[in-house]
């Protein structure tokens, strides 16, 4: 955050729950950062890709509320965080941008994206600035309806589903959950009754 803040034209701050979004935000430690129509939502939802914060919940929330106006960018990184979120962005009419894995210090995240979807733009990091400036000035092509499964995943990340009937409507429950986040307890993913 301090590196971004040194640039005069980039206003960067730690995300605060409920704050209107107007600049660059960094998710607080151990919290997911989500977008609503005009403000930020900082939550303690279940870890994704073994991390909190993770970019997939952010991408899904942005795709659900802003559809074709969203551009998701996946850069260097390990594992596959960003893949599911970019898929959601594309399904909701948004644009996906990905760093060329040959240009990435840690190519796992870009490789995962390539292996799982067709990206809108695939290029080295040095070429992204002009592309993102161009995309920011373009009108979206066409709005798409938001798939129900992506809406459901966004609601789960918000953790607004609290009564048993609503939770059961989301799918089959596992017998154990994490007391910290309410998600599946690590190591218990296989404990579903057959």
C-alpha atoms as a PDB file:
ATOM      1  CA  UNK A   1       0.000   0.000   0.000  1.00  0.00           C
ATOM      2  CA  UNK A   2       2.851   2.378   0.820  1.00  0.00           C
ATOM      3  CA  UNK A   3       4.415   1.808  -2.615  1.00  0.00           C
ATOM      4  CA  UNK A   4       1.159   2.709  -4.372  1.00  0.00           C
ATOM      5  CA  UNK A   5       0.648   5.691  -2.068  1.00  0.00           C
ATOM      6  CA  UNK A   6       3.953   7.222  -3.149  1.00  0.00           C
ATOM      7  CA  UNK A   7       2.472   7.917  -6.583  1.00  0.00           C
ATOM      8  CA  UNK A   8       0.719  11.309  -6.480  1.00  0.00           C
ATOM      9  CA  UNK A   9      -2.048  10.294  -8.869  1.00  0.00           C
ATOM     10  CA  UNK A  10      -2.889   7.009  -7.078  1.00  0.00           C
ATOM     11  CA  UNK A  11      -4.933   7.328  -3.914  1.00  0.00           C
ATOM     12  CA  UNK A  12      -4.680   4.072  -1.987  1.00  0.00           C
ATOM     13  CA  UNK A  13      -6.057   3.069   1.398  1.00  0.00           C
ATOM     14  CA  UNK A  14      -7.016   0.095   3.526  1.00  0.00           C
ATOM     15  CA  UNK A  15     -10.640  -0.870   2.816  1.00  0.00           C
ATOM     16  CA  UNK A  16     -13.212   0.034   5.484  1.00  0.00           C
ATOM     17  CA  UNK A  17     -16.583  -1.716   5.618  1.00  0.00           C
ATOM     18  CA  UNK A  18     -19.365   0.480   4.210  1.00  0.00           C
ATOM     19  CA  UNK A  19     -17.061   3.085   2.695  1.00  0.00           C
ATOM     20  CA  UNK A  20     -18.007   4.368  -0.793  1.00  0.00           C
ATOM     21  CA  UNK A  21     -15.419   3.210  -3.310  1.00  0.00           C
ATOM     22  CA  UNK A  22     -13.534   5.936  -5.174  1.00  0.00           C
ATOM     23  CA  UNK A  23      -9.876   4.913  -5.256  1.00  0.00           C
ATOM     24  CA  UNK A  24      -7.549   1.938  -4.920  1.00  0.00           C
ATOM     25  CA  UNK A  25      -8.232  -0.254  -1.882  1.00  0.00           C
ATOM     26  CA  UNK A  26      -6.241  -2.972  -0.182  1.00  0.00           C
ATOM     27  CA  UNK A  27      -8.170  -5.693   1.653  1.00  0.00           C
ATOM     28  CA  UNK A  28      -7.438  -5.741   5.388  1.00  0.00           C
ATOM     29  CA  UNK A  29      -5.597  -8.766   6.749  1.00  0.00           C
ATOM     30  CA  UNK A  30      -7.801 -11.818   7.318  1.00  0.00           C
ATOM     31  CA  UNK A  31     -10.846 -10.246   5.602  1.00  0.00           C
ATOM     32  CA  UNK A  32     -12.347 -10.496   2.140  1.00  0.00           C
ATOM     33  CA  UNK A  33     -13.025  -7.279   0.259  1.00  0.00           C
ATOM     34  CA  UNK A  34     -16.305  -7.302  -1.694  1.00  0.00           C
ATOM     35  CA  UNK A  35     -18.134  -4.697  -3.763  1.00  0.00           C
ATOM     36  CA  UNK A  36     -21.721  -3.615  -3.470  1.00  0.00           C
ATOM     37  CA  UNK A  37     -23.401  -1.129  -5.818  1.00  0.00           C
ATOM     38  CA  UNK A  38     -21.587   1.939  -4.458  1.00  0.00           C
ATOM     39  CA  UNK A  39     -19.702   0.829  -1.356  1.00  0.00           C
ATOM     40  CA  UNK A  40     -17.236  -1.687   0.039  1.00  0.00           C
ATOM     41  CA  UNK A  41     -18.052  -4.714   2.138  1.00  0.00           C
ATOM     42  CA  UNK A  42     -15.309  -6.160   4.349  1.00  0.00           C
ATOM     43  CA  UNK A  43     -16.197  -9.662   5.613  1.00  0.00           C
ATOM     44  CA  UNK A  44     -14.778 -12.673   7.436  1.00  0.00           C
ATOM     45  CA  UNK A  45     -16.224 -15.168   4.957  1.00  0.00           C
ATOM     46  CA  UNK A  46     -14.748 -18.624   4.480  1.00  0.00           C
ATOM     47  CA  UNK A  47     -11.194 -18.808   3.166  1.00  0.00           C
ATOM     48  CA  UNK A  48     -10.891 -19.363  -0.574  1.00  0.00           C
ATOM     49  CA  UNK A  49      -7.831 -20.988  -2.074  1.00  0.00           C
ATOM     50  CA  UNK A  50      -6.672 -21.280   1.553  1.00  0.00           C
ATOM     51  CA  UNK A  51      -6.555 -17.491   1.962  1.00  0.00           C
ATOM     52  CA  UNK A  52      -8.522 -14.582   3.278  1.00  0.00           C
ATOM     53  CA  UNK A  53      -8.408 -12.147   1.584  1.00  0.00           C
ATOM     54  CA  UNK A  54      -8.698 -13.852  -1.793  1.00  0.00           C
ATOM     55  CA  UNK A  55      -9.421 -12.239  -5.135  1.00  0.00           C
ATOM     56  CA  UNK A  56     -12.160 -14.670  -6.277  1.00  0.00           C
ATOM     57  CA  UNK A  57     -14.798 -13.330  -3.827  1.00  0.00           C
ATOM     58  CA  UNK A  58     -13.934  -9.764  -4.865  1.00  0.00           C
ATOM     59  CA  UNK A  59     -14.223 -10.594  -8.567  1.00  0.00           C
ATOM     60  CA  UNK A  60     -17.548 -12.424  -8.094  1.00  0.00           C
ATOM     61  CA  UNK A  61     -19.064  -9.598  -6.068  1.00  0.00           C
ATOM     62  CA  UNK A  62     -17.970  -7.038  -8.672  1.00  0.00           C
ATOM     63  CA  UNK A  63     -19.367  -9.194 -11.498  1.00  0.00           C
ATOM     64  CA  UNK A  64     -22.755  -9.563  -9.788  1.00  0.00           C
ATOM     65  CA  UNK A  65     -23.307  -5.855  -9.105  1.00  0.00           C
ATOM     66  CA  UNK A  66     -21.488  -4.259 -12.047  1.00  0.00           C
ATOM     67  CA  UNK A  67     -21.666  -6.941 -14.780  1.00  0.00           C
ATOM     68  CA  UNK A  68     -20.207  -5.718 -18.071  1.00  0.00           C
ATOM     69  CA  UNK A  69     -18.555  -2.676 -16.444  1.00  0.00           C
ATOM     70  CA  UNK A  70     -16.006  -4.926 -14.671  1.00  0.00           C
ATOM     71  CA  UNK A  71     -12.470  -5.596 -15.843  1.00  0.00           C
ATOM     72  CA  UNK A  72     -10.679  -8.302 -13.856  1.00  0.00           C
ATOM     73  CA  UNK A  73      -6.888  -8.540 -13.966  1.00  0.00           C
ATOM     74  CA  UNK A  74      -4.835 -11.567 -12.878  1.00  0.00           C
ATOM     75  CA  UNK A  75      -1.120 -11.038 -12.410  1.00  0.00           C
ATOM     76  CA  UNK A  76       1.750 -13.130 -11.095  1.00  0.00           C
ATOM     77  CA  UNK A  77       0.948 -15.404  -8.165  1.00  0.00           C
ATOM     78  CA  UNK A  78       0.857 -18.912  -6.817  1.00  0.00           C
ATOM     79  CA  UNK A  79      -1.954 -21.494  -6.914  1.00  0.00           C
ATOM     80  CA  UNK A  80      -5.174 -20.627  -8.765  1.00  0.00           C
ATOM     81  CA  UNK A  81      -6.731 -17.630  -7.013  1.00  0.00           C
ATOM     82  CA  UNK A  82      -8.392 -15.427  -9.623  1.00  0.00           C
ATOM     83  CA  UNK A  83      -9.473 -18.163 -12.026  1.00  0.00           C
ATOM     84  CA  UNK A  84     -13.015 -18.694 -10.681  1.00  0.00           C
ATOM     85  CA  UNK A  85     -13.476 -14.949 -10.265  1.00  0.00           C
ATOM     86  CA  UNK A  86     -12.387 -14.172 -13.831  1.00  0.00           C
ATOM     87  CA  UNK A  87     -14.752 -16.858 -15.123  1.00  0.00           C
ATOM     88  CA  UNK A  88     -17.570 -15.140 -13.190  1.00  0.00           C
ATOM     89  CA  UNK A  89     -16.615 -11.747 -14.633  1.00  0.00           C
ATOM     90  CA  UNK A  90     -16.703 -13.133 -18.190  1.00  0.00           C
ATOM     91  CA  UNK A  91     -20.053 -14.905 -17.601  1.00  0.00           C
ATOM     92  CA  UNK A  92     -21.509 -11.604 -16.383  1.00  0.00           C
ATOM     93  CA  UNK A  93     -20.312  -9.726 -19.488  1.00  0.00           C
ATOM     94  CA  UNK A  94     -17.088  -8.229 -18.115  1.00  0.00           C
ATOM     95  CA  UNK A  95     -13.561  -8.250 -19.499  1.00  0.00           C
ATOM     96  CA  UNK A  96     -10.683 -10.488 -18.389  1.00  0.00           C
ATOM     97  CA  UNK A  97      -7.057  -9.393 -18.570  1.00  0.00           C
ATOM     98  CA  UNK A  98      -4.191 -11.683 -17.756  1.00  0.00           C
ATOM     99  CA  UNK A  99      -0.450 -11.377 -17.480  1.00  0.00           C
ATOM    100  CA  UNK A 100       1.523 -13.567 -19.850  1.00  0.00           C
ATOM    101  CA  UNK A 101       2.892 -16.399 -17.652  1.00  0.00           C
ATOM    102  CA  UNK A 102       6.298 -16.081 -19.352  1.00  0.00           C
ATOM    103  CA  UNK A 103       6.407 -12.515 -17.997  1.00  0.00           C
ATOM    104  CA  UNK A 104       5.309 -13.473 -14.441  1.00  0.00           C
ATOM    105  CA  UNK A 105       7.663 -14.053 -11.510  1.00  0.00           C
ATOM    106  CA  UNK A 106       5.209 -16.713 -10.239  1.00  0.00           C
ATOM    107  CA  UNK A 107       3.249 -18.037 -13.233  1.00  0.00           C
ATOM    108  CA  UNK A 108       0.779 -20.387 -11.449  1.00  0.00           C
ATOM    109  CA  UNK A 109      -2.184 -17.984 -11.348  1.00  0.00           C
ATOM    110  CA  UNK A 110      -1.878 -16.910 -15.001  1.00  0.00           C
ATOM    111  CA  UNK A 111      -1.382 -20.537 -16.101  1.00  0.00           C
ATOM    112  CA  UNK A 112      -4.497 -21.594 -14.179  1.00  0.00           C
ATOM    113  CA  UNK A 113      -6.522 -18.928 -15.966  1.00  0.00           C
ATOM    114  CA  UNK A 114      -5.240 -20.017 -19.394  1.00  0.00           C
ATOM    115  CA  UNK A 115      -6.042 -23.648 -18.617  1.00  0.00           C
ATOM    116  CA  UNK A 116      -9.610 -22.898 -17.556  1.00  0.00           C
ATOM    117  CA  UNK A 117     -10.981 -20.155 -19.789  1.00  0.00           C
ATOM    118  CA  UNK A 118     -10.541 -18.003 -22.850  1.00  0.00           C
ATOM    119  CA  UNK A 119      -9.319 -14.596 -21.689  1.00  0.00           C
ATOM    120  CA  UNK A 120     -10.195 -11.313 -23.366  1.00  0.00           C
ATOM    121  CA  UNK A 121      -6.617  -9.952 -23.214  1.00  0.00           C
ATOM    122  CA  UNK A 122      -3.344 -11.751 -22.560  1.00  0.00           C
ATOM    123  CA  UNK A 123      -0.174  -9.648 -22.471  1.00  0.00           C
ATOM    124  CA  UNK A 124       3.046  -8.763 -20.622  1.00  0.00           C
ATOM    125  CA  UNK A 125       2.829  -6.511 -17.585  1.00  0.00           C
ATOM    126  CA  UNK A 126       4.530  -3.593 -19.357  1.00  0.00           C
ATOM    127  CA  UNK A 127       1.687  -3.442 -21.921  1.00  0.00           C
ATOM    128  CA  UNK A 128      -1.171  -3.453 -19.376  1.00  0.00           C
ATOM    129  CA  UNK A 129      -1.245   0.250 -18.505  1.00  0.00           C
ATOM    130  CA  UNK A 130      -2.272   1.444 -21.977  1.00  0.00           C
ATOM    131  CA  UNK A 131      -4.772  -1.413 -22.354  1.00  0.00           C
ATOM    132  CA  UNK A 132      -6.429  -0.712 -18.988  1.00  0.00           C
ATOM    133  CA  UNK A 133      -6.606   3.021 -19.777  1.00  0.00           C
ATOM    134  CA  UNK A 134      -8.327   2.187 -23.079  1.00  0.00           C
ATOM    135  CA  UNK A 135     -10.749  -0.287 -21.449  1.00  0.00           C
ATOM    136  CA  UNK A 136     -11.661   2.261 -18.746  1.00  0.00           C
ATOM    137  CA  UNK A 137     -12.884   4.646 -21.449  1.00  0.00           C
ATOM    138  CA  UNK A 138     -14.943   2.100 -23.412  1.00  0.00           C
ATOM    139  CA  UNK A 139     -18.638   1.444 -23.001  1.00  0.00           C
ATOM    140  CA  UNK A 140     -19.465  -2.212 -22.295  1.00  0.00           C
ATOM    141  CA  UNK A 141     -20.643  -4.184 -25.283  1.00  0.00           C
ATOM    142  CA  UNK A 142     -23.863  -5.587 -23.845  1.00  0.00           C
ATOM    143  CA  UNK A 143     -25.290  -6.483 -20.455  1.00  0.00           C
ATOM    144  CA  UNK A 144     -25.807 -10.166 -19.718  1.00  0.00           C
ATOM    145  CA  UNK A 145     -28.081 -11.711 -17.147  1.00  0.00           C
ATOM    146  CA  UNK A 146     -26.205 -12.706 -14.023  1.00  0.00           C
ATOM    147  CA  UNK A 147     -26.140 -16.519 -13.623  1.00  0.00           C
ATOM    148  CA  UNK A 148     -27.918 -17.746 -10.474  1.00  0.00           C
ATOM    149  CA  UNK A 149     -24.915 -19.773  -9.268  1.00  0.00           C
ATOM    150  CA  UNK A 150     -22.665 -16.694  -9.328  1.00  0.00           C
ATOM    151  CA  UNK A 151     -25.296 -14.676  -7.441  1.00  0.00           C
ATOM    152  CA  UNK A 152     -25.483 -17.455  -4.834  1.00  0.00           C
ATOM    153  CA  UNK A 153     -21.698 -17.551  -4.411  1.00  0.00           C
ATOM    154  CA  UNK A 154     -21.639 -13.769  -3.946  1.00  0.00           C
ATOM    155  CA  UNK A 155     -24.332 -14.010  -1.246  1.00  0.00           C
ATOM    156  CA  UNK A 156     -22.392 -16.767   0.534  1.00  0.00           C
ATOM    157  CA  UNK A 157     -19.257 -14.585   0.568  1.00  0.00           C
ATOM    158  CA  UNK A 158     -21.288 -11.792   2.169  1.00  0.00           C
ATOM    159  CA  UNK A 159     -22.394 -14.232   4.886  1.00  0.00           C
ATOM    160  CA  UNK A 160     -25.915 -12.801   4.931  1.00  0.00           C
ATOM    161  CA  UNK A 161     -27.469 -16.268   4.857  1.00  0.00           C
ATOM    162  CA  UNK A 162     -28.052 -17.139   8.481  1.00  0.00           C
ATOM    163  CA  UNK A 163     -31.157 -19.264   9.031  1.00  0.00           C
ATOM    164  CA  UNK A 164     -31.161 -23.036   8.522  1.00  0.00           C
ATOM    165  CA  UNK A 165     -33.779 -23.039   5.734  1.00  0.00           C
ATOM    166  CA  UNK A 166     -31.766 -20.555   3.647  1.00  0.00           C
ATOM    167  CA  UNK A 167     -28.505 -22.419   4.266  1.00  0.00           C
ATOM    168  CA  UNK A 168     -30.138 -25.727   3.239  1.00  0.00           C
ATOM    169  CA  UNK A 169     -31.355 -24.034   0.049  1.00  0.00           C
ATOM    170  CA  UNK A 170     -27.742 -23.398  -0.961  1.00  0.00           C
ATOM    171  CA  UNK A 171     -26.757 -27.063  -1.018  1.00  0.00           C
ATOM    172  CA  UNK A 172     -25.922 -30.080   1.090  1.00  0.00           C
ATOM    173  CA  UNK A 173     -24.308 -29.208   4.429  1.00  0.00           C
ATOM    174  CA  UNK A 174     -21.178 -30.860   5.737  1.00  0.00           C
ATOM    175  CA  UNK A 175     -21.370 -32.165   9.312  1.00  0.00           C
ATOM    176  CA  UNK A 176     -18.580 -29.886  10.606  1.00  0.00           C
ATOM    177  CA  UNK A 177     -17.882 -26.219  10.164  1.00  0.00           C
ATOM    178  CA  UNK A 178     -15.141 -23.795  11.043  1.00  0.00           C
ATOM    179  CA  UNK A 179     -16.002 -21.763  14.157  1.00  0.00           C
ATOM    180  CA  UNK A 180     -13.965 -18.853  12.801  1.00  0.00           C
ATOM    181  CA  UNK A 181     -15.736 -18.339   9.481  1.00  0.00           C
ATOM    182  CA  UNK A 182     -18.684 -20.753   9.309  1.00  0.00           C
ATOM    183  CA  UNK A 183     -17.237 -22.552   6.276  1.00  0.00           C
ATOM    184  CA  UNK A 184     -16.160 -26.156   5.943  1.00  0.00           C
ATOM    185  CA  UNK A 185     -13.583 -27.046   8.549  1.00  0.00           C
ATOM    186  CA  UNK A 186     -10.179 -27.750   6.965  1.00  0.00           C
ATOM    187  CA  UNK A 187      -9.774 -31.463   6.452  1.00  0.00           C
ATOM    188  CA  UNK A 188     -13.512 -32.142   6.746  1.00  0.00           C
ATOM    189  CA  UNK A 189     -14.346 -31.599   3.093  1.00  0.00           C
ATOM    190  CA  UNK A 190     -14.491 -35.384   2.607  1.00  0.00           C
ATOM    191  CA  UNK A 191     -16.794 -36.016   5.582  1.00  0.00           C
ATOM    192  CA  UNK A 192     -20.082 -35.697   3.711  1.00  0.00           C
ATOM    193  CA  UNK A 193     -22.356 -38.676   4.196  1.00  0.00           C
ATOM    194  CA  UNK A 194     -22.408 -40.838   1.077  1.00  0.00           C
END
